[in-house]
Amino acid sequence: MQQYSRSDLTFDVTDSGSARHGTVVLLHGFPQTSHSWRKVTPLLNDAGYRTVAPDQRGYSPGARPDGRAAYRASELVEDAAELIIQLGTGPVHLVGHDWGAAVAWAMAASRPDLVRTLTSVSVPHPGAFVKSFLHSDQLLRSWYMAAFQPPLVPDFVLSRFPGLFDDVLRRTGMDDEQLADVHHDVLEAGALTGALNWYRAMALNTPPALARRVAIPVTHVWGAHDAALSRRGAELAADFAIADFDLQILPDSGHWIPEHDAPALAELILARAHGN
């Protein structure tokens, strides 16, 4: 598969490997594309898994609707659900990083018929994330979410002065190779407004979705040096899992685990997949 469509939107897809043991769908985060999984997918392919990684809404050139309402969580979940349905393989092993993890949690809760296992990376269950505001410094860590809310202004500033964006991302641990990818895949590709609309749509998401628990096996992976997400949020994720839950803390990792600690992450994805 190179592309798939939902309604009038067309999503680009990176598809590799054979599904001898199953299919793994990988959802990227902000501000990245499916390219962020490039170090993980060969390891999963070598273990006998097909990997399918879409460029999500706002990132694929053919899937950039206008307005923040088009980026509600329900729409993001249905995008991923449609991909799995069109794959025709039955339930998949779902993996998400950053915003992709938020989508993966929501999808595992609302469409368990399409998901065999969940491996979430960095971002915990949305309910755990919100709850962590009361029990940690998460609110201070999330300052940028408020900065992204106004229309037009953040888009202009970050596009016109990309060095400012680089400085913020470097403080989260991004390296020069990743920053070059952000420039090429997001800023120069015209994907920035769509990417920011994921944040602007947060207020439109319904509160019950924050409390919906997940009834499939879950592994949550968090890096001990993550500048954006607190340890407390990772710990609270267990409160939102009904079935088997495993919290894995990588002591030497930060936020960008798929690229900076790919072997360890691949091993955890495979352990979750093999166990179920």
C-alpha atoms as a PDB file:
ATOM      1  CA  MET A   1       0.000   0.000   0.000  1.00  0.00           C
ATOM      2  CA  GLN A   2       1.274   3.445  -0.961  1.00  0.00           C
ATOM      3  CA  GLN A   3      -1.881   5.452  -0.292  1.00  0.00           C
ATOM      4  CA  TYR A   4      -5.380   5.066   1.036  1.00  0.00           C
ATOM      5  CA  SER A   5      -8.425   7.321   0.990  1.00  0.00           C
ATOM      6  CA  ARG A   6     -11.135   8.300   3.422  1.00  0.00           C
ATOM      7  CA  SER A   7     -13.919  10.474   2.047  1.00  0.00           C
ATOM      8  CA  ASP A   8     -12.145  13.120  -0.053  1.00  0.00           C
ATOM      9  CA  LEU A   9      -8.790  12.790   1.727  1.00  0.00           C
ATOM     10  CA  THR A  10      -5.820  10.754   0.500  1.00  0.00           C
ATOM     11  CA  PHE A  11      -3.108   9.620   2.908  1.00  0.00           C
ATOM     12  CA  ASP A  12       0.433   8.591   1.999  1.00  0.00           C
ATOM     13  CA  VAL A  13       1.611   5.310   3.530  1.00  0.00           C
ATOM     14  CA  THR A  14       4.974   3.608   4.070  1.00  0.00           C
ATOM     15  CA  ASP A  15       4.423  -0.157   3.869  1.00  0.00           C
ATOM     16  CA  SER A  16       7.176  -2.751   4.262  1.00  0.00           C
ATOM     17  CA  GLY A  17       7.822  -6.348   5.276  1.00  0.00           C
ATOM     18  CA  SER A  18       5.697  -9.481   5.152  1.00  0.00           C
ATOM     19  CA  ALA A  19       2.956 -10.319   7.624  1.00  0.00           C
ATOM     20  CA  ARG A  20       4.231 -13.746   8.619  1.00  0.00           C
ATOM     21  CA  HIS A  21       3.477 -13.023  12.265  1.00  0.00           C
ATOM     22  CA  GLY A  22       1.084 -10.099  11.851  1.00  0.00           C
ATOM     23  CA  THR A  23       0.811  -6.426  10.945  1.00  0.00           C
ATOM     24  CA  VAL A  24       2.008  -3.444  12.968  1.00  0.00           C
ATOM     25  CA  VAL A  25       0.491  -0.004  12.300  1.00  0.00           C
ATOM     26  CA  LEU A  26       2.675   2.887  13.451  1.00  0.00           C
ATOM     27  CA  LEU A  27       1.299   6.391  14.064  1.00  0.00           C
ATOM     28  CA  HIS A  28       3.754   9.282  14.165  1.00  0.00           C
ATOM     29  CA  GLY A  29       3.651  12.387  16.323  1.00  0.00           C
ATOM     30  CA  PHE A  30       4.346  16.125  16.088  1.00  0.00           C
ATOM     31  CA  PRO A  31       6.131  17.529  14.161  1.00  0.00           C
ATOM     32  CA  GLN A  32       7.089  14.414  12.224  1.00  0.00           C
ATOM     33  CA  THR A  33       5.880  12.007   9.542  1.00  0.00           C
ATOM     34  CA  SER A  34       6.060   8.264   8.980  1.00  0.00           C
ATOM     35  CA  HIS A  35       9.767   8.832   8.290  1.00  0.00           C
ATOM     36  CA  SER A  36      10.280   8.947  12.069  1.00  0.00           C
ATOM     37  CA  TRP A  37       9.764   5.148  12.175  1.00  0.00           C
ATOM     38  CA  ARG A  38      12.574   4.390   9.720  1.00  0.00           C
ATOM     39  CA  LYS A  39      14.858   2.878  12.389  1.00  0.00           C
ATOM     40  CA  VAL A  40      12.116   0.765  13.981  1.00  0.00           C
ATOM     41  CA  THR A  41      10.453  -0.782  10.926  1.00  0.00           C
ATOM     42  CA  PRO A  42      13.451  -2.838   9.671  1.00  0.00           C
ATOM     43  CA  LEU A  43      13.719  -4.495  13.077  1.00  0.00           C
ATOM     44  CA  LEU A  44      10.028  -5.408  13.058  1.00  0.00           C
ATOM     45  CA  ASN A  45      10.231  -6.569   9.424  1.00  0.00           C
ATOM     46  CA  ASP A  46      13.182  -8.826  10.251  1.00  0.00           C
ATOM     47  CA  ALA A  47      11.065 -10.377  13.021  1.00  0.00           C
ATOM     48  CA  GLY A  48       8.331 -11.310  10.544  1.00  0.00           C
ATOM     49  CA  TYR A  49       5.952  -8.357  10.850  1.00  0.00           C
ATOM     50  CA  ARG A  50       4.542  -6.139   8.148  1.00  0.00           C
ATOM     51  CA  THR A  51       4.762  -2.473   9.121  1.00  0.00           C
ATOM     52  CA  VAL A  52       2.348   0.167   7.841  1.00  0.00           C
ATOM     53  CA  ALA A  53       3.000   3.799   8.768  1.00  0.00           C
ATOM     54  CA  PRO A  54       0.722   6.561   7.427  1.00  0.00           C
ATOM     55  CA  ASP A  55       1.448  10.256   7.134  1.00  0.00           C
ATOM     56  CA  GLN A  56      -1.521  11.392   9.170  1.00  0.00           C
ATOM     57  CA  ARG A  57      -4.081  14.162   8.693  1.00  0.00           C
ATOM     58  CA  GLY A  58      -2.433  17.511   8.093  1.00  0.00           C
ATOM     59  CA  TYR A  59       0.842  15.887   7.059  1.00  0.00           C
ATOM     60  CA  SER A  60      -0.123  14.029   3.872  1.00  0.00           C
ATOM     61  CA  PRO A  61      -0.432  16.541   0.997  1.00  0.00           C
ATOM     62  CA  GLY A  62      -3.786  15.051   0.022  1.00  0.00           C
ATOM     63  CA  ALA A  63      -5.200  15.156   3.558  1.00  0.00           C
ATOM     64  CA  ARG A  64      -4.966  18.761   4.773  1.00  0.00           C
ATOM     65  CA  PRO A  65      -8.513  20.004   5.399  1.00  0.00           C
ATOM     66  CA  ASP A  66      -9.053  23.572   6.557  1.00  0.00           C
ATOM     67  CA  GLY A  67     -10.157  24.548  10.049  1.00  0.00           C
ATOM     68  CA  ARG A  68      -9.433  23.102  13.464  1.00  0.00           C
ATOM     69  CA  ALA A  69     -12.736  21.178  13.648  1.00  0.00           C
ATOM     70  CA  ALA A  70     -11.433  18.788  11.001  1.00  0.00           C
ATOM     71  CA  TYR A  71      -8.695  17.710  13.426  1.00  0.00           C
ATOM     72  CA  ARG A  72     -10.886  16.507  16.290  1.00  0.00           C
ATOM     73  CA  ALA A  73      -9.789  13.257  17.921  1.00  0.00           C
ATOM     74  CA  SER A  74     -12.795  11.432  16.465  1.00  0.00           C
ATOM     75  CA  GLU A  75     -11.639  12.290  12.939  1.00  0.00           C
ATOM     76  CA  LEU A  76      -8.054  11.240  13.643  1.00  0.00           C
ATOM     77  CA  VAL A  77      -9.245   7.909  15.031  1.00  0.00           C
ATOM     78  CA  GLU A  78     -11.480   7.259  12.044  1.00  0.00           C
ATOM     79  CA  ASP A  79      -8.548   7.957   9.709  1.00  0.00           C
ATOM     80  CA  ALA A  80      -6.526   5.210  11.395  1.00  0.00           C
ATOM     81  CA  ALA A  81      -9.526   2.880  11.572  1.00  0.00           C
ATOM     82  CA  GLU A  82     -10.136   3.244   7.849  1.00  0.00           C
ATOM     83  CA  LEU A  83      -6.512   2.354   7.158  1.00  0.00           C
ATOM     84  CA  ILE A  84      -6.805  -0.874   9.139  1.00  0.00           C
ATOM     85  CA  ILE A  85     -10.108  -1.753   7.479  1.00  0.00           C
ATOM     86  CA  GLN A  86      -8.607  -1.254   4.028  1.00  0.00           C
ATOM     87  CA  LEU A  87      -5.577  -3.354   4.934  1.00  0.00           C
ATOM     88  CA  GLY A  88      -7.982  -6.258   5.334  1.00  0.00           C
ATOM     89  CA  THR A  89      -5.708  -8.142   7.714  1.00  0.00           C
ATOM     90  CA  GLY A  90      -7.983  -8.118  10.732  1.00  0.00           C
ATOM     91  CA  PRO A  91      -6.877  -6.603  14.061  1.00  0.00           C
ATOM     92  CA  VAL A  92      -3.358  -5.136  14.092  1.00  0.00           C
ATOM     93  CA  HIS A  93      -0.696  -4.375  16.635  1.00  0.00           C
ATOM     94  CA  LEU A  94      -1.030  -0.610  17.072  1.00  0.00           C
ATOM     95  CA  VAL A  95       1.920   1.610  18.000  1.00  0.00           C
ATOM     96  CA  GLY A  96       1.842   5.378  18.462  1.00  0.00           C
ATOM     97  CA  HIS A  97       4.383   8.001  19.454  1.00  0.00           C
ATOM     98  CA  ASP A  98       3.587  11.471  20.814  1.00  0.00           C
ATOM     99  CA  TRP A  99       0.301  12.624  19.197  1.00  0.00           C
ATOM    100  CA  GLY A 100       0.178   9.257  17.456  1.00  0.00           C
ATOM    101  CA  ALA A 101       0.044   7.662  20.893  1.00  0.00           C
ATOM    102  CA  ALA A 102      -2.953   9.818  21.832  1.00  0.00           C
ATOM    103  CA  VAL A 103      -4.743   8.631  18.695  1.00  0.00           C
ATOM    104  CA  ALA A 104      -3.737   5.036  19.388  1.00  0.00           C
ATOM    105  CA  TRP A 105      -5.112   5.139  22.945  1.00  0.00           C
ATOM    106  CA  ALA A 106      -8.402   6.604  21.716  1.00  0.00           C
ATOM    107  CA  MET A 107      -8.670   4.063  18.941  1.00  0.00           C
ATOM    108  CA  ALA A 108      -7.893   1.115  21.217  1.00  0.00           C
ATOM    109  CA  ALA A 109     -10.680   2.294  23.535  1.00  0.00           C
ATOM    110  CA  SER A 110     -13.291   2.983  20.852  1.00  0.00           C
ATOM    111  CA  ARG A 111     -12.436   0.323  18.218  1.00  0.00           C
ATOM    112  CA  PRO A 112     -11.015  -2.703  20.066  1.00  0.00           C
ATOM    113  CA  ASP A 113     -12.248  -4.877  17.213  1.00  0.00           C
ATOM    114  CA  LEU A 114      -9.426  -3.454  15.078  1.00  0.00           C
ATOM    115  CA  VAL A 115      -6.574  -3.618  17.618  1.00  0.00           C
ATOM    116  CA  ARG A 116      -4.852  -6.707  19.037  1.00  0.00           C
ATOM    117  CA  THR A 117      -2.296  -4.919  21.205  1.00  0.00           C
ATOM    118  CA  LEU A 118      -1.274  -1.337  21.937  1.00  0.00           C
ATOM    119  CA  THR A 119       2.218   0.028  22.451  1.00  0.00           C
ATOM    120  CA  SER A 120       2.106   3.724  23.342  1.00  0.00           C
ATOM    121  CA  VAL A 121       5.309   5.725  23.321  1.00  0.00           C
ATOM    122  CA  SER A 122       5.902   8.862  25.405  1.00  0.00           C
ATOM    123  CA  VAL A 123       2.287  10.110  25.597  1.00  0.00           C
ATOM    124  CA  PRO A 124       0.034   8.244  28.067  1.00  0.00           C
ATOM    125  CA  HIS A 125      -3.731   7.764  27.964  1.00  0.00           C
ATOM    126  CA  PRO A 126      -5.416  11.208  27.543  1.00  0.00           C
ATOM    127  CA  GLY A 127      -7.069  10.822  30.938  1.00  0.00           C
ATOM    128  CA  ALA A 128      -3.720  10.118  32.577  1.00  0.00           C
ATOM    129  CA  PHE A 129      -2.200  13.108  30.811  1.00  0.00           C
ATOM    130  CA  VAL A 130      -4.892  15.471  32.119  1.00  0.00           C
ATOM    131  CA  LYS A 131      -4.795  13.920  35.581  1.00  0.00           C
ATOM    132  CA  SER A 132      -1.040  14.426  35.734  1.00  0.00           C
ATOM    133  CA  PHE A 133      -1.599  18.201  35.637  1.00  0.00           C
ATOM    134  CA  LEU A 134      -2.788  17.918  39.233  1.00  0.00           C
ATOM    135  CA  HIS A 135       0.027  15.672  40.447  1.00  0.00           C
ATOM    136  CA  SER A 136       3.175  16.866  38.696  1.00  0.00           C
ATOM    137  CA  ASP A 137       4.769  19.705  36.759  1.00  0.00           C
ATOM    138  CA  GLN A 138       3.025  18.615  33.563  1.00  0.00           C
ATOM    139  CA  LEU A 139       1.142  21.889  33.163  1.00  0.00           C
ATOM    140  CA  LEU A 140       4.441  23.789  33.018  1.00  0.00           C
ATOM    141  CA  ARG A 141       5.876  21.275  30.573  1.00  0.00           C
ATOM    142  CA  SER A 142       2.871  21.788  28.280  1.00  0.00           C
ATOM    143  CA  TRP A 143       3.266  25.564  27.846  1.00  0.00           C
ATOM    144  CA  TYR A 144       3.677  25.216  24.079  1.00  0.00           C
ATOM    145  CA  MET A 145       0.135  23.858  23.706  1.00  0.00           C
ATOM    146  CA  ALA A 146      -1.246  27.249  24.723  1.00  0.00           C
ATOM    147  CA  ALA A 147       1.235  29.018  22.445  1.00  0.00           C
ATOM    148  CA  PHE A 148      -0.062  27.037  19.455  1.00  0.00           C
ATOM    149  CA  GLN A 149      -3.738  27.947  19.986  1.00  0.00           C
ATOM    150  CA  PRO A 150      -4.044  31.318  18.171  1.00  0.00           C
ATOM    151  CA  PRO A 151      -4.720  31.025  14.442  1.00  0.00           C
ATOM    152  CA  LEU A 152      -2.155  32.243  11.914  1.00  0.00           C
ATOM    153  CA  VAL A 153       0.352  33.801  14.320  1.00  0.00           C
ATOM    154  CA  PRO A 154       2.288  30.634  15.362  1.00  0.00           C
ATOM    155  CA  ASP A 155       2.191  29.438  11.753  1.00  0.00           C
ATOM    156  CA  PHE A 156       3.740  32.701  10.528  1.00  0.00           C
ATOM    157  CA  VAL A 157       6.351  32.953  13.263  1.00  0.00           C
ATOM    158  CA  LEU A 158       7.576  29.359  13.004  1.00  0.00           C
ATOM    159  CA  SER A 159       7.642  29.464   9.193  1.00  0.00           C
ATOM    160  CA  ARG A 160       9.294  32.875   9.006  1.00  0.00           C
ATOM    161  CA  PHE A 161      11.781  32.209  11.811  1.00  0.00           C
ATOM    162  CA  PRO A 162      12.474  28.453  11.725  1.00  0.00           C
ATOM    163  CA  GLY A 163      15.463  28.939  13.978  1.00  0.00           C
ATOM    164  CA  LEU A 164      13.070  29.595  16.865  1.00  0.00           C
ATOM    165  CA  PHE A 165      11.358  26.285  16.165  1.00  0.00           C
ATOM    166  CA  ASP A 166      14.753  24.588  16.040  1.00  0.00           C
ATOM    167  CA  ASP A 167      15.691  26.008  19.435  1.00  0.00           C
ATOM    168  CA  VAL A 168      12.501  24.697  21.046  1.00  0.00           C
ATOM    169  CA  LEU A 169      12.894  21.253  19.492  1.00  0.00           C
ATOM    170  CA  ARG A 170      16.584  21.053  20.422  1.00  0.00           C
ATOM    171  CA  ARG A 171      15.620  21.618  24.055  1.00  0.00           C
ATOM    172  CA  THR A 172      13.478  18.475  23.813  1.00  0.00           C
ATOM    173  CA  GLY A 173      16.456  16.478  22.541  1.00  0.00           C
ATOM    174  CA  MET A 174      16.016  16.592  18.760  1.00  0.00           C
ATOM    175  CA  ASP A 175      19.281  16.249  16.825  1.00  0.00           C
ATOM    176  CA  ASP A 176      20.358  17.927  13.595  1.00  0.00           C
ATOM    177  CA  GLU A 177      19.143  15.067  11.390  1.00  0.00           C
ATOM    178  CA  GLN A 178      15.668  15.257  12.893  1.00  0.00           C
ATOM    179  CA  LEU A 179      15.564  19.038  12.578  1.00  0.00           C
ATOM    180  CA  ALA A 180      16.439  18.728   8.900  1.00  0.00           C
ATOM    181  CA  ASP A 181      13.512  16.323   8.526  1.00  0.00           C
ATOM    182  CA  VAL A 182      11.161  18.798  10.230  1.00  0.00           C
ATOM    183  CA  HIS A 183      12.259  21.510   7.806  1.00  0.00           C
ATOM    184  CA  HIS A 184      11.806  19.239   4.770  1.00  0.00           C
ATOM    185  CA  ASP A 185       8.717  17.246   5.772  1.00  0.00           C
ATOM    186  CA  VAL A 186       6.753  19.896   7.674  1.00  0.00           C
ATOM    187  CA  LEU A 187       7.891  23.481   7.124  1.00  0.00           C
ATOM    188  CA  GLU A 188       8.881  23.323   3.449  1.00  0.00           C
ATOM    189  CA  ALA A 189       6.139  20.800   2.628  1.00  0.00           C
ATOM    190  CA  GLY A 190       3.377  23.116   3.840  1.00  0.00           C
ATOM    191  CA  ALA A 191       2.250  20.809   6.637  1.00  0.00           C
ATOM    192  CA  LEU A 192       2.743  23.167   9.583  1.00  0.00           C
ATOM    193  CA  THR A 193      -0.801  24.577   9.836  1.00  0.00           C
ATOM    194  CA  GLY A 194      -2.352  21.111   9.698  1.00  0.00           C
ATOM    195  CA  ALA A 195       0.083  19.882  12.335  1.00  0.00           C
ATOM    196  CA  LEU A 196      -0.745  22.807  14.644  1.00  0.00           C
ATOM    197  CA  ASN A 197      -4.470  22.214  14.134  1.00  0.00           C
ATOM    198  CA  TRP A 198      -4.146  18.987  16.147  1.00  0.00           C
ATOM    199  CA  TYR A 199      -3.493  21.225  19.167  1.00  0.00           C
ATOM    200  CA  ARG A 200      -6.156  23.764  18.254  1.00  0.00           C
ATOM    201  CA  ALA A 201      -8.795  21.041  18.090  1.00  0.00           C
ATOM    202  CA  MET A 202      -8.109  19.785  21.619  1.00  0.00           C
ATOM    203  CA  ALA A 203     -10.865  21.944  23.118  1.00  0.00           C
ATOM    204  CA  LEU A 204     -13.386  20.348  20.732  1.00  0.00           C
ATOM    205  CA  ASN A 205     -12.820  16.816  22.007  1.00  0.00           C
ATOM    206  CA  THR A 206     -15.532  15.414  24.270  1.00  0.00           C
ATOM    207  CA  PRO A 207     -14.623  14.840  27.974  1.00  0.00           C
ATOM    208  CA  PRO A 208     -15.970  11.233  28.064  1.00  0.00           C
ATOM    209  CA  ALA A 209     -13.200  10.223  25.670  1.00  0.00           C
ATOM    210  CA  LEU A 210     -10.666  11.166  28.346  1.00  0.00           C
ATOM    211  CA  ALA A 211     -12.081   8.601  30.747  1.00  0.00           C
ATOM    212  CA  ARG A 212     -12.689   5.694  28.363  1.00  0.00           C
ATOM    213  CA  ARG A 213     -10.559   2.755  29.441  1.00  0.00           C
ATOM    214  CA  VAL A 214      -8.711   0.323  27.183  1.00  0.00           C
ATOM    215  CA  ALA A 215      -9.596  -3.369  27.314  1.00  0.00           C
ATOM    216  CA  ILE A 216      -6.735  -4.758  25.214  1.00  0.00           C
ATOM    217  CA  PRO A 217      -3.143  -5.512  26.334  1.00  0.00           C
ATOM    218  CA  VAL A 218      -1.029  -2.355  26.611  1.00  0.00           C
ATOM    219  CA  THR A 219       2.648  -1.521  26.950  1.00  0.00           C
ATOM    220  CA  HIS A 220       3.451   2.114  27.688  1.00  0.00           C
ATOM    221  CA  VAL A 221       7.017   3.251  27.011  1.00  0.00           C
ATOM    222  CA  TRP A 222       8.411   6.425  28.574  1.00  0.00           C
ATOM    223  CA  GLY A 223      11.899   7.936  28.500  1.00  0.00           C
ATOM    224  CA  ALA A 224      13.245   9.076  31.851  1.00  0.00           C
ATOM    225  CA  HIS A 225      14.674  12.239  30.273  1.00  0.00           C
ATOM    226  CA  ASP A 226      11.496  13.255  28.445  1.00  0.00           C
ATOM    227  CA  ALA A 227      11.283  17.059  28.633  1.00  0.00           C
ATOM    228  CA  ALA A 228       7.650  17.176  27.484  1.00  0.00           C
ATOM    229  CA  LEU A 229       5.966  14.394  29.493  1.00  0.00           C
ATOM    230  CA  SER A 230       6.179  13.742  33.227  1.00  0.00           C
ATOM    231  CA  ARG A 231       6.809  10.385  34.867  1.00  0.00           C
ATOM    232  CA  ARG A 232       3.544  10.786  36.790  1.00  0.00           C
ATOM    233  CA  GLY A 233       1.522  10.696  33.597  1.00  0.00           C
ATOM    234  CA  ALA A 234       3.241   7.474  32.587  1.00  0.00           C
ATOM    235  CA  GLU A 235       2.446   5.936  35.972  1.00  0.00           C
ATOM    236  CA  LEU A 236      -1.205   7.043  35.854  1.00  0.00           C
ATOM    237  CA  ALA A 237      -1.695   5.336  32.484  1.00  0.00           C
ATOM    238  CA  ALA A 238      -2.242   2.060  34.342  1.00  0.00           C
ATOM    239  CA  ASP A 239      -5.506   3.456  35.747  1.00  0.00           C
ATOM    240  CA  PHE A 240      -6.965   3.489  32.249  1.00  0.00           C
ATOM    241  CA  ALA A 241      -6.064  -0.067  31.213  1.00  0.00           C
ATOM    242  CA  ILE A 242      -8.426  -2.931  32.026  1.00  0.00           C
ATOM    243  CA  ALA A 243      -6.370  -5.778  30.560  1.00  0.00           C
ATOM    244  CA  ASP A 244      -2.672  -6.529  30.986  1.00  0.00           C
ATOM    245  CA  PHE A 245      -0.642  -3.321  31.374  1.00  0.00           C
ATOM    246  CA  ASP A 246       3.135  -2.973  31.359  1.00  0.00           C
ATOM    247  CA  LEU A 247       4.985   0.294  32.022  1.00  0.00           C
ATOM    248  CA  GLN A 248       8.485   0.327  30.590  1.00  0.00           C
ATOM    249  CA  ILE A 249      10.771   3.205  31.564  1.00  0.00           C
ATOM    250  CA  LEU A 250      13.884   3.641  29.425  1.00  0.00           C
ATOM    251  CA  PRO A 251      16.443   5.209  31.790  1.00  0.00           C
ATOM    252  CA  ASP A 252      18.651   6.774  29.115  1.00  0.00           C
ATOM    253  CA  SER A 253      15.948   7.949  26.689  1.00  0.00           C
ATOM    254  CA  GLY A 254      14.219  11.266  26.148  1.00  0.00           C
ATOM    255  CA  HIS A 255      11.139  12.077  24.093  1.00  0.00           C
ATOM    256  CA  TRP A 256      12.248  10.928  20.633  1.00  0.00           C
ATOM    257  CA  ILE A 257      12.423   7.220  21.406  1.00  0.00           C
ATOM    258  CA  PRO A 258      11.627   5.827  17.906  1.00  0.00           C
ATOM    259  CA  GLU A 259      14.786   7.411  16.512  1.00  0.00           C
ATOM    260  CA  HIS A 260      17.078   7.588  19.525  1.00  0.00           C
ATOM    261  CA  ASP A 261      16.342   4.172  21.059  1.00  0.00           C
ATOM    262  CA  ALA A 262      14.907   2.132  18.185  1.00  0.00           C
ATOM    263  CA  PRO A 263      16.313  -1.295  19.199  1.00  0.00           C
ATOM    264  CA  ALA A 264      14.874  -1.078  22.711  1.00  0.00           C
ATOM    265  CA  LEU A 265      11.515   0.127  21.404  1.00  0.00           C
ATOM    266  CA  ALA A 266      11.338  -2.572  18.738  1.00  0.00           C
ATOM    267  CA  GLU A 267      12.081  -5.194  21.373  1.00  0.00           C
ATOM    268  CA  LEU A 268       9.196  -3.927  23.523  1.00  0.00           C
ATOM    269  CA  ILE A 269       6.795  -3.834  20.572  1.00  0.00           C
ATOM    270  CA  LEU A 270       7.725  -7.404  19.693  1.00  0.00           C
ATOM    271  CA  ALA A 271       7.412  -8.564  23.289  1.00  0.00           C
ATOM    272  CA  ARG A 272       3.890  -7.148  23.469  1.00  0.00           C
ATOM    273  CA  ALA A 273       2.952  -8.629  20.086  1.00  0.00           C
ATOM    274  CA  HIS A 274       4.418 -12.063  20.844  1.00  0.00           C
ATOM    275  CA  GLY A 275       2.674 -12.182  24.207  1.00  0.00           C
ATOM    276  CA  ASN A 276      -0.770 -11.847  22.673  1.00  0.00           C
END
